[in-house]
Amino acid sequence: MKYLGGYPEETIRQARQLADSNKLGVVLLKRYAVAHEVRTDKALYQYVSQMKKEFLGNAEPVSKVAFDNKLHVIMHALGLHTSISRVQGQKLKSKREIRVASLFKNVPIEFLKMIVVHELAHLKEKEHGRAFYKLCLYMEPDYHQFEFDLRLYLTHMEMNGEPLWG
């Protein structure tokens, strides 16, 4: 149960019980019936841009958003934000990118939203501190529940190897 490290023992025990009885997928499917429709990089860019505009209008612009086949959950990367700086004439230009692991093309919108919220929060807050999670909760009040359920899904995938959606 490597994706549930840091959660209370009772929570991990309940998750293990569901996983051992092959009911983890059933519980997740009951809670999240369908996958989102954001399948292309263009659609993902539009989704991220809309969320950024709604919640972080004055944050630095994001120049690129894409699904990334090279991001693997094994490296604990669900998404990735990068900032690239380069000199153009006498000015220092900065570009921001957000990449989301391709695994998340076929998950419920709540899981994608949790990842996008997390990466957008890094535009304002670099470290995972109190201000970072406060910003995540501002953008998505159910952030922690979606993160936990996503971790349950990753546990299901690790144990069964079968995606639930798509």
N, C-alpha and C. Protein backbone atom coordinates (compact mmCIF):
# COMPACT_ATOMS: atom_id res chain seq x y z
N MET A 1 0.84 -1.19 0.00
CA MET A 1 0.00 0.00 0.00
C MET A 1 0.88 1.26 0.00
N LYS A 2 1.81 1.27 -0.95
CA LYS A 2 2.80 2.36 -0.97
C LYS A 2 2.18 3.72 -1.27
N TYR A 3 1.03 3.76 -1.93
CA TYR A 3 0.41 5.04 -2.25
C TYR A 3 -0.35 5.64 -1.07
N LEU A 4 -0.50 4.86 0.00
CA LEU A 4 -1.26 5.33 1.15
C LEU A 4 -0.39 5.62 2.36
N GLY A 5 0.91 5.68 2.15
CA GLY A 5 1.81 6.03 3.24
C GLY A 5 1.47 7.40 3.80
N GLY A 6 1.51 7.51 5.11
CA GLY A 6 1.19 8.79 5.75
C GLY A 6 -0.25 8.90 6.21
N TYR A 7 -1.10 7.98 5.76
CA TYR A 7 -2.49 7.98 6.23
C TYR A 7 -2.57 7.17 7.53
N PRO A 8 -3.61 7.41 8.33
CA PRO A 8 -3.76 6.67 9.59
C PRO A 8 -3.84 5.15 9.35
N GLU A 9 -3.34 4.40 10.31
CA GLU A 9 -3.33 2.93 10.21
C GLU A 9 -4.73 2.36 9.94
N GLU A 10 -5.74 2.90 10.60
CA GLU A 10 -7.11 2.41 10.41
C GLU A 10 -7.57 2.61 8.97
N THR A 11 -7.22 3.73 8.39
CA THR A 11 -7.58 4.01 6.99
C THR A 11 -6.88 3.02 6.06
N ILE A 12 -5.62 2.76 6.31
CA ILE A 12 -4.85 1.81 5.49
C ILE A 12 -5.43 0.41 5.66
N ARG A 13 -5.80 0.05 6.88
CA ARG A 13 -6.39 -1.28 7.13
C ARG A 13 -7.68 -1.45 6.34
N GLN A 14 -8.53 -0.42 6.34
CA GLN A 14 -9.79 -0.50 5.59
C GLN A 14 -9.54 -0.61 4.08
N ALA A 15 -8.57 0.14 3.60
CA ALA A 15 -8.23 0.07 2.17
C ALA A 15 -7.68 -1.31 1.82
N ARG A 16 -6.83 -1.85 2.68
CA ARG A 16 -6.28 -3.18 2.44
C ARG A 16 -7.38 -4.24 2.43
N GLN A 17 -8.33 -4.08 3.33
CA GLN A 17 -9.46 -5.02 3.39
C GLN A 17 -10.26 -4.98 2.08
N LEU A 18 -10.54 -3.79 1.59
CA LEU A 18 -11.25 -3.65 0.31
C LEU A 18 -10.44 -4.25 -0.84
N ALA A 19 -9.15 -3.97 -0.85
CA ALA A 19 -8.29 -4.47 -1.93
C ALA A 19 -8.21 -6.00 -1.88
N ASP A 20 -8.03 -6.56 -0.69
CA ASP A 20 -7.92 -8.02 -0.55
C ASP A 20 -9.19 -8.74 -0.95
N SER A 21 -10.33 -8.09 -0.79
CA SER A 21 -11.60 -8.72 -1.17
C SER A 21 -12.05 -8.30 -2.57
N ASN A 22 -11.14 -7.69 -3.33
CA ASN A 22 -11.41 -7.23 -4.70
C ASN A 22 -12.60 -6.29 -4.79
N LYS A 23 -12.81 -5.46 -3.78
CA LYS A 23 -13.93 -4.52 -3.79
C LYS A 23 -13.50 -3.07 -3.95
N LEU A 24 -12.21 -2.84 -4.03
CA LEU A 24 -11.71 -1.48 -4.17
C LEU A 24 -12.21 -0.84 -5.47
N GLY A 25 -12.12 -1.58 -6.55
CA GLY A 25 -12.61 -1.08 -7.83
C GLY A 25 -14.10 -0.81 -7.82
N VAL A 26 -14.86 -1.68 -7.17
CA VAL A 26 -16.31 -1.52 -7.09
C VAL A 26 -16.67 -0.23 -6.36
N VAL A 27 -15.97 0.02 -5.26
CA VAL A 27 -16.22 1.23 -4.47
C VAL A 27 -15.90 2.48 -5.30
N LEU A 28 -14.79 2.45 -6.00
CA LEU A 28 -14.39 3.61 -6.82
C LEU A 28 -15.36 3.83 -7.97
N LEU A 29 -15.80 2.76 -8.61
CA LEU A 29 -16.76 2.89 -9.72
C LEU A 29 -18.11 3.40 -9.25
N LYS A 30 -18.48 3.05 -8.04
CA LYS A 30 -19.74 3.55 -7.49
C LYS A 30 -19.64 5.05 -7.23
N ARG A 31 -18.48 5.49 -6.75
CA ARG A 31 -18.27 6.90 -6.43
C ARG A 31 -18.04 7.75 -7.68
N TYR A 32 -17.34 7.17 -8.65
CA TYR A 32 -16.98 7.89 -9.88
C TYR A 32 -17.34 6.99 -11.07
N ALA A 33 -18.49 7.22 -11.65
CA ALA A 33 -19.02 6.31 -12.66
C ALA A 33 -18.35 6.42 -14.03
N VAL A 34 -17.95 7.61 -14.43
CA VAL A 34 -17.45 7.78 -15.80
C VAL A 34 -16.12 8.54 -15.82
N ALA A 35 -15.39 8.34 -16.92
CA ALA A 35 -14.14 9.06 -17.15
C ALA A 35 -14.44 10.40 -17.81
N HIS A 36 -13.51 11.32 -17.66
CA HIS A 36 -13.66 12.64 -18.28
C HIS A 36 -13.47 12.55 -19.80
N GLU A 37 -13.72 13.65 -20.48
CA GLU A 37 -13.60 13.71 -21.94
C GLU A 37 -12.37 14.48 -22.40
N VAL A 38 -11.50 14.87 -21.49
CA VAL A 38 -10.30 15.64 -21.85
C VAL A 38 -9.25 14.63 -22.32
N ARG A 39 -9.13 14.45 -23.63
CA ARG A 39 -8.27 13.39 -24.16
C ARG A 39 -7.04 13.91 -24.91
N THR A 40 -7.08 15.15 -25.37
CA THR A 40 -5.97 15.67 -26.19
C THR A 40 -5.22 16.75 -25.41
N ASP A 41 -4.02 17.03 -25.87
CA ASP A 41 -3.23 18.11 -25.25
C ASP A 41 -3.95 19.45 -25.38
N LYS A 42 -4.59 19.66 -26.52
CA LYS A 42 -5.32 20.92 -26.73
C LYS A 42 -6.46 21.06 -25.73
N ALA A 43 -7.22 19.98 -25.54
CA ALA A 43 -8.33 20.01 -24.58
C ALA A 43 -7.80 20.19 -23.15
N LEU A 44 -6.67 19.56 -22.84
CA LEU A 44 -6.06 19.71 -21.52
C LEU A 44 -5.60 21.15 -21.31
N TYR A 45 -5.00 21.75 -22.34
CA TYR A 45 -4.57 23.14 -22.26
C TYR A 45 -5.76 24.05 -21.98
N GLN A 46 -6.86 23.83 -22.68
CA GLN A 46 -8.06 24.64 -22.46
C GLN A 46 -8.62 24.45 -21.06
N TYR A 47 -8.62 23.22 -20.57
CA TYR A 47 -9.11 22.92 -19.22
C TYR A 47 -8.25 23.63 -18.16
N VAL A 48 -6.94 23.52 -18.30
CA VAL A 48 -6.01 24.15 -17.35
C VAL A 48 -6.13 25.68 -17.43
N SER A 49 -6.21 26.20 -18.64
CA SER A 49 -6.32 27.66 -18.82
C SER A 49 -7.57 28.21 -18.18
N GLN A 50 -8.68 27.50 -18.32
CA GLN A 50 -9.94 27.94 -17.71
C GLN A 50 -9.83 27.95 -16.19
N MET A 51 -9.24 26.90 -15.63
CA MET A 51 -9.07 26.86 -14.17
C MET A 51 -8.12 27.95 -13.69
N LYS A 52 -7.04 28.17 -14.42
CA LYS A 52 -6.09 29.22 -14.05
C LYS A 52 -6.77 30.58 -14.10
N LYS A 53 -7.53 30.83 -15.14
CA LYS A 53 -8.24 32.11 -15.29
C LYS A 53 -9.23 32.32 -14.15
N GLU A 54 -9.92 31.26 -13.77
CA GLU A 54 -10.93 31.35 -12.71
C GLU A 54 -10.32 31.58 -11.34
N PHE A 55 -9.21 30.93 -11.05
CA PHE A 55 -8.67 30.96 -9.69
C PHE A 55 -7.35 31.72 -9.52
N LEU A 56 -6.54 31.79 -10.57
CA LEU A 56 -5.20 32.38 -10.45
C LEU A 56 -4.94 33.38 -11.57
N GLY A 57 -5.87 34.23 -11.83
CA GLY A 57 -5.78 35.15 -12.95
C GLY A 57 -4.48 35.90 -13.06
N ASN A 58 -3.88 36.30 -11.95
CA ASN A 58 -2.66 37.11 -12.01
C ASN A 58 -1.37 36.29 -11.92
N ALA A 59 -1.47 34.99 -11.91
CA ALA A 59 -0.27 34.15 -11.87
C ALA A 59 0.42 34.18 -13.23
N GLU A 60 1.68 33.77 -13.24
CA GLU A 60 2.42 33.72 -14.50
C GLU A 60 1.68 32.86 -15.51
N PRO A 61 1.74 33.23 -16.79
CA PRO A 61 1.05 32.44 -17.81
C PRO A 61 1.70 31.06 -17.98
N VAL A 62 0.90 30.11 -18.41
CA VAL A 62 1.39 28.77 -18.69
C VAL A 62 1.50 28.65 -20.21
N SER A 63 2.69 28.37 -20.71
CA SER A 63 2.90 28.36 -22.15
C SER A 63 2.59 27.00 -22.78
N LYS A 64 2.70 25.93 -22.01
CA LYS A 64 2.45 24.61 -22.57
C LYS A 64 1.82 23.71 -21.52
N VAL A 65 0.83 22.94 -21.97
CA VAL A 65 0.18 21.94 -21.13
C VAL A 65 0.05 20.69 -21.97
N ALA A 66 0.42 19.53 -21.43
CA ALA A 66 0.37 18.32 -22.23
C ALA A 66 0.27 17.08 -21.35
N PHE A 67 -0.31 16.02 -21.93
CA PHE A 67 -0.21 14.70 -21.34
C PHE A 67 1.17 14.18 -21.69
N ASP A 68 1.80 13.47 -20.77
CA ASP A 68 3.18 13.03 -20.97
C ASP A 68 3.29 11.53 -20.72
N ASN A 69 3.68 10.79 -21.77
CA ASN A 69 3.86 9.33 -21.65
C ASN A 69 5.07 8.97 -20.80
N LYS A 70 5.97 9.91 -20.61
CA LYS A 70 7.21 9.62 -19.89
C LYS A 70 7.07 9.78 -18.38
N LEU A 71 6.00 10.43 -17.95
CA LEU A 71 5.79 10.56 -16.50
C LEU A 71 5.21 9.25 -15.98
N HIS A 72 5.85 8.70 -15.01
CA HIS A 72 5.39 7.44 -14.44
C HIS A 72 5.08 7.62 -12.97
N VAL A 73 4.01 7.02 -12.55
CA VAL A 73 3.59 7.12 -11.16
C VAL A 73 4.65 6.50 -10.25
N ILE A 74 5.42 5.57 -10.78
CA ILE A 74 6.47 4.93 -10.00
C ILE A 74 7.44 5.97 -9.45
N MET A 75 7.68 7.03 -10.23
CA MET A 75 8.57 8.10 -9.79
C MET A 75 7.82 9.10 -8.91
N HIS A 76 6.61 8.74 -8.50
CA HIS A 76 5.76 9.59 -7.66
C HIS A 76 5.38 10.88 -8.37
N ALA A 77 5.35 10.85 -9.68
CA ALA A 77 4.97 12.04 -10.44
C ALA A 77 3.63 11.80 -11.12
N LEU A 78 2.61 12.46 -10.64
CA LEU A 78 1.30 12.41 -11.28
C LEU A 78 1.21 13.52 -12.31
N GLY A 79 1.87 14.59 -12.00
CA GLY A 79 1.96 15.74 -12.88
C GLY A 79 3.30 16.40 -12.64
N LEU A 80 3.62 17.38 -13.48
CA LEU A 80 4.91 18.03 -13.37
C LEU A 80 4.77 19.47 -13.81
N HIS A 81 5.35 20.36 -13.07
CA HIS A 81 5.38 21.76 -13.49
C HIS A 81 6.85 22.14 -13.66
N THR A 82 7.12 22.87 -14.71
CA THR A 82 8.49 23.31 -14.94
C THR A 82 8.49 24.79 -15.29
N SER A 83 9.61 25.40 -15.03
CA SER A 83 9.82 26.79 -15.39
C SER A 83 11.15 26.87 -16.12
N ILE A 84 11.12 27.39 -17.34
CA ILE A 84 12.32 27.49 -18.15
C ILE A 84 12.62 28.97 -18.36
N SER A 85 13.81 29.40 -17.97
CA SER A 85 14.21 30.79 -18.15
C SER A 85 15.29 30.87 -19.21
N ARG A 86 15.21 31.91 -20.06
CA ARG A 86 16.26 32.13 -21.05
C ARG A 86 16.37 33.61 -21.34
N VAL A 87 17.50 34.01 -21.81
CA VAL A 87 17.77 35.41 -22.10
C VAL A 87 17.36 35.69 -23.55
N GLN A 88 16.57 36.75 -23.71
CA GLN A 88 16.20 37.24 -25.04
C GLN A 88 16.58 38.71 -25.10
N GLY A 89 17.67 38.99 -25.77
CA GLY A 89 18.16 40.38 -25.80
C GLY A 89 18.61 40.78 -24.42
N GLN A 90 17.98 41.82 -23.87
CA GLN A 90 18.32 42.30 -22.53
C GLN A 90 17.33 41.81 -21.47
N LYS A 91 16.38 40.99 -21.88
CA LYS A 91 15.34 40.53 -20.95
C LYS A 91 15.48 39.05 -20.65
N LEU A 92 15.07 38.69 -19.45
CA LEU A 92 15.02 37.29 -19.05
C LEU A 92 13.58 36.83 -19.22
N LYS A 93 13.36 35.90 -20.13
CA LYS A 93 12.01 35.38 -20.40
C LYS A 93 11.84 34.06 -19.67
N SER A 94 10.65 33.88 -19.11
CA SER A 94 10.35 32.66 -18.36
C SER A 94 9.13 31.98 -18.96
N LYS A 95 9.22 30.68 -19.14
CA LYS A 95 8.09 29.90 -19.65
C LYS A 95 7.71 28.85 -18.61
N ARG A 96 6.42 28.68 -18.41
CA ARG A 96 5.91 27.67 -17.47
C ARG A 96 5.24 26.56 -18.26
N GLU A 97 5.47 25.32 -17.84
CA GLU A 97 4.82 24.17 -18.47
C GLU A 97 4.19 23.30 -17.39
N ILE A 98 3.09 22.67 -17.76
CA ILE A 98 2.44 21.68 -16.90
C ILE A 98 2.28 20.41 -17.71
N ARG A 99 2.73 19.32 -17.15
CA ARG A 99 2.58 18.01 -17.80
C ARG A 99 1.83 17.08 -16.85
N VAL A 100 0.94 16.29 -17.43
CA VAL A 100 0.13 15.35 -16.66
C VAL A 100 0.41 13.95 -17.21
N ALA A 101 0.63 13.00 -16.33
CA ALA A 101 0.90 11.62 -16.76
C ALA A 101 -0.25 11.12 -17.64
N SER A 102 0.10 10.48 -18.75
CA SER A 102 -0.90 9.99 -19.70
C SER A 102 -1.88 9.00 -19.09
N LEU A 103 -1.48 8.36 -18.02
CA LEU A 103 -2.37 7.44 -17.30
C LEU A 103 -3.69 8.13 -16.96
N PHE A 104 -3.66 9.44 -16.81
CA PHE A 104 -4.84 10.18 -16.36
C PHE A 104 -5.71 10.69 -17.49
N LYS A 105 -5.51 10.16 -18.69
CA LYS A 105 -6.42 10.47 -19.80
C LYS A 105 -7.76 9.77 -19.60
N ASN A 106 -7.75 8.67 -18.89
CA ASN A 106 -8.96 7.86 -18.72
C ASN A 106 -9.29 7.65 -17.26
N VAL A 107 -9.56 8.75 -16.58
CA VAL A 107 -9.97 8.71 -15.18
C VAL A 107 -11.12 9.69 -15.00
N PRO A 108 -11.79 9.66 -13.88
CA PRO A 108 -12.85 10.65 -13.63
C PRO A 108 -12.30 12.07 -13.61
N ILE A 109 -13.14 13.02 -13.94
CA ILE A 109 -12.73 14.43 -13.99
C ILE A 109 -12.21 14.91 -12.63
N GLU A 110 -12.72 14.34 -11.56
CA GLU A 110 -12.28 14.74 -10.22
C GLU A 110 -10.79 14.44 -10.02
N PHE A 111 -10.30 13.32 -10.57
CA PHE A 111 -8.89 12.98 -10.43
C PHE A 111 -8.03 13.93 -11.26
N LEU A 112 -8.46 14.19 -12.49
CA LEU A 112 -7.73 15.13 -13.33
C LEU A 112 -7.71 16.51 -12.69
N LYS A 113 -8.84 16.92 -12.15
CA LYS A 113 -8.92 18.24 -11.52
C LYS A 113 -7.96 18.33 -10.33
N MET A 114 -7.88 17.28 -9.54
CA MET A 114 -6.98 17.28 -8.39
C MET A 114 -5.53 17.48 -8.84
N ILE A 115 -5.13 16.80 -9.91
CA ILE A 115 -3.77 16.92 -10.41
C ILE A 115 -3.53 18.33 -10.96
N VAL A 116 -4.48 18.84 -11.73
CA VAL A 116 -4.35 20.19 -12.30
C VAL A 116 -4.28 21.24 -11.19
N VAL A 117 -5.15 21.12 -10.20
CA VAL A 117 -5.15 22.05 -9.07
C VAL A 117 -3.78 22.03 -8.39
N HIS A 118 -3.25 20.84 -8.18
CA HIS A 118 -1.94 20.69 -7.53
C HIS A 118 -0.85 21.41 -8.33
N GLU A 119 -0.84 21.17 -9.63
CA GLU A 119 0.20 21.79 -10.47
C GLU A 119 0.01 23.30 -10.58
N LEU A 120 -1.24 23.76 -10.68
CA LEU A 120 -1.49 25.20 -10.72
C LEU A 120 -1.07 25.87 -9.41
N ALA A 121 -1.28 25.20 -8.30
CA ALA A 121 -0.89 25.77 -7.00
C ALA A 121 0.61 26.05 -6.96
N HIS A 122 1.38 25.23 -7.68
CA HIS A 122 2.83 25.45 -7.73
C HIS A 122 3.21 26.73 -8.46
N LEU A 123 2.30 27.31 -9.23
CA LEU A 123 2.59 28.60 -9.87
C LEU A 123 2.75 29.70 -8.82
N LYS A 124 2.03 29.55 -7.70
CA LYS A 124 2.07 30.54 -6.62
C LYS A 124 2.95 30.09 -5.45
N GLU A 125 2.89 28.82 -5.13
CA GLU A 125 3.60 28.28 -3.97
C GLU A 125 4.50 27.13 -4.41
N LYS A 126 5.79 27.27 -4.22
CA LYS A 126 6.74 26.25 -4.68
C LYS A 126 6.73 25.00 -3.79
N GLU A 127 6.63 25.21 -2.49
CA GLU A 127 6.74 24.11 -1.53
C GLU A 127 5.37 23.61 -1.09
N HIS A 128 5.32 22.34 -0.70
CA HIS A 128 4.09 21.74 -0.19
C HIS A 128 3.90 22.11 1.29
N GLY A 129 3.53 23.34 1.52
CA GLY A 129 3.32 23.81 2.88
C GLY A 129 1.87 24.18 3.11
N ARG A 130 1.63 24.82 4.24
CA ARG A 130 0.26 25.22 4.61
C ARG A 130 -0.38 26.10 3.54
N ALA A 131 0.36 27.10 3.05
CA ALA A 131 -0.19 28.01 2.03
C ALA A 131 -0.50 27.27 0.73
N PHE A 132 0.33 26.29 0.39
CA PHE A 132 0.11 25.49 -0.82
C PHE A 132 -1.23 24.75 -0.73
N TYR A 133 -1.45 24.03 0.36
CA TYR A 133 -2.69 23.25 0.49
C TYR A 133 -3.91 24.13 0.70
N LYS A 134 -3.72 25.29 1.30
CA LYS A 134 -4.82 26.25 1.42
C LYS A 134 -5.26 26.71 0.03
N LEU A 135 -4.29 26.94 -0.84
CA LEU A 135 -4.60 27.33 -2.22
C LEU A 135 -5.28 26.19 -2.97
N CYS A 136 -4.82 24.97 -2.77
CA CYS A 136 -5.47 23.80 -3.40
C CYS A 136 -6.93 23.70 -2.97
N LEU A 137 -7.19 23.90 -1.68
CA LEU A 137 -8.56 23.82 -1.16
C LEU A 137 -9.41 24.99 -1.65
N TYR A 138 -8.81 26.12 -1.89
CA TYR A 138 -9.54 27.25 -2.47
C TYR A 138 -10.02 26.90 -3.88
N MET A 139 -9.14 26.26 -4.66
CA MET A 139 -9.50 25.90 -6.03
C MET A 139 -10.42 24.69 -6.09
N GLU A 140 -10.27 23.76 -5.14
CA GLU A 140 -11.12 22.56 -5.10
C GLU A 140 -11.32 22.16 -3.64
N PRO A 141 -12.50 22.49 -3.08
CA PRO A 141 -12.76 22.19 -1.67
C PRO A 141 -12.64 20.70 -1.31
N ASP A 142 -12.85 19.80 -2.27
CA ASP A 142 -12.73 18.36 -2.01
C ASP A 142 -11.36 17.81 -2.42
N TYR A 143 -10.37 18.67 -2.49
CA TYR A 143 -9.04 18.29 -2.95
C TYR A 143 -8.51 17.05 -2.21
N HIS A 144 -8.57 17.06 -0.90
CA HIS A 144 -7.99 15.95 -0.12
C HIS A 144 -8.73 14.64 -0.36
N GLN A 145 -10.05 14.70 -0.50
CA GLN A 145 -10.82 13.48 -0.78
C GLN A 145 -10.46 12.93 -2.16
N PHE A 146 -10.35 13.81 -3.15
CA PHE A 146 -10.00 13.36 -4.50
C PHE A 146 -8.59 12.78 -4.52
N GLU A 147 -7.68 13.40 -3.77
CA GLU A 147 -6.31 12.87 -3.72
C GLU A 147 -6.31 11.48 -3.09
N PHE A 148 -7.05 11.31 -2.02
CA PHE A 148 -7.11 10.00 -1.37
C PHE A 148 -7.71 8.95 -2.31
N ASP A 149 -8.81 9.30 -2.98
CA ASP A 149 -9.44 8.36 -3.90
C ASP A 149 -8.53 8.04 -5.08
N LEU A 150 -7.78 9.02 -5.53
CA LEU A 150 -6.81 8.76 -6.60
C LEU A 150 -5.75 7.79 -6.11
N ARG A 151 -5.32 7.95 -4.88
CA ARG A 151 -4.34 7.01 -4.32
C ARG A 151 -4.93 5.60 -4.19
N LEU A 152 -6.22 5.53 -3.87
CA LEU A 152 -6.88 4.21 -3.85
C LEU A 152 -6.88 3.60 -5.25
N TYR A 153 -7.14 4.44 -6.26
CA TYR A 153 -7.14 3.95 -7.64
C TYR A 153 -5.75 3.45 -8.04
N LEU A 154 -4.71 4.18 -7.67
CA LEU A 154 -3.34 3.74 -7.98
C LEU A 154 -3.03 2.42 -7.29
N THR A 155 -3.54 2.26 -6.08
CA THR A 155 -3.38 0.99 -5.36
C THR A 155 -4.10 -0.13 -6.12
N HIS A 156 -5.32 0.15 -6.56
CA HIS A 156 -6.07 -0.83 -7.37
C HIS A 156 -5.29 -1.21 -8.62
N MET A 157 -4.74 -0.22 -9.32
CA MET A 157 -3.98 -0.47 -10.54
C MET A 157 -2.74 -1.32 -10.25
N GLU A 158 -2.08 -1.03 -9.16
CA GLU A 158 -0.88 -1.78 -8.81
C GLU A 158 -1.23 -3.25 -8.52
N MET A 159 -2.35 -3.47 -7.86
CA MET A 159 -2.71 -4.83 -7.46
C MET A 159 -3.35 -5.62 -8.60
N ASN A 160 -4.13 -4.94 -9.47
CA ASN A 160 -4.88 -5.64 -10.50
C ASN A 160 -4.37 -5.38 -11.92
N GLY A 161 -3.71 -4.26 -12.12
CA GLY A 161 -3.20 -3.93 -13.44
C GLY A 161 -4.29 -3.55 -14.45
N GLU A 162 -5.52 -3.50 -14.01
CA GLU A 162 -6.64 -3.20 -14.91
C GLU A 162 -7.21 -1.83 -14.62
N PRO A 163 -7.25 -0.96 -15.65
CA PRO A 163 -7.89 0.35 -15.43
C PRO A 163 -9.40 0.18 -15.23
N LEU A 164 -10.00 1.07 -14.50
CA LEU A 164 -11.45 1.00 -14.24
C LEU A 164 -12.25 1.75 -15.29
N TRP A 165 -11.64 2.74 -15.91
CA TRP A 165 -12.35 3.57 -16.88
C TRP A 165 -11.60 3.53 -18.20
N GLY A 166 -12.34 3.70 -19.28
CA GLY A 166 -11.71 3.78 -20.62
C GLY A 166 -11.39 2.47 -21.15
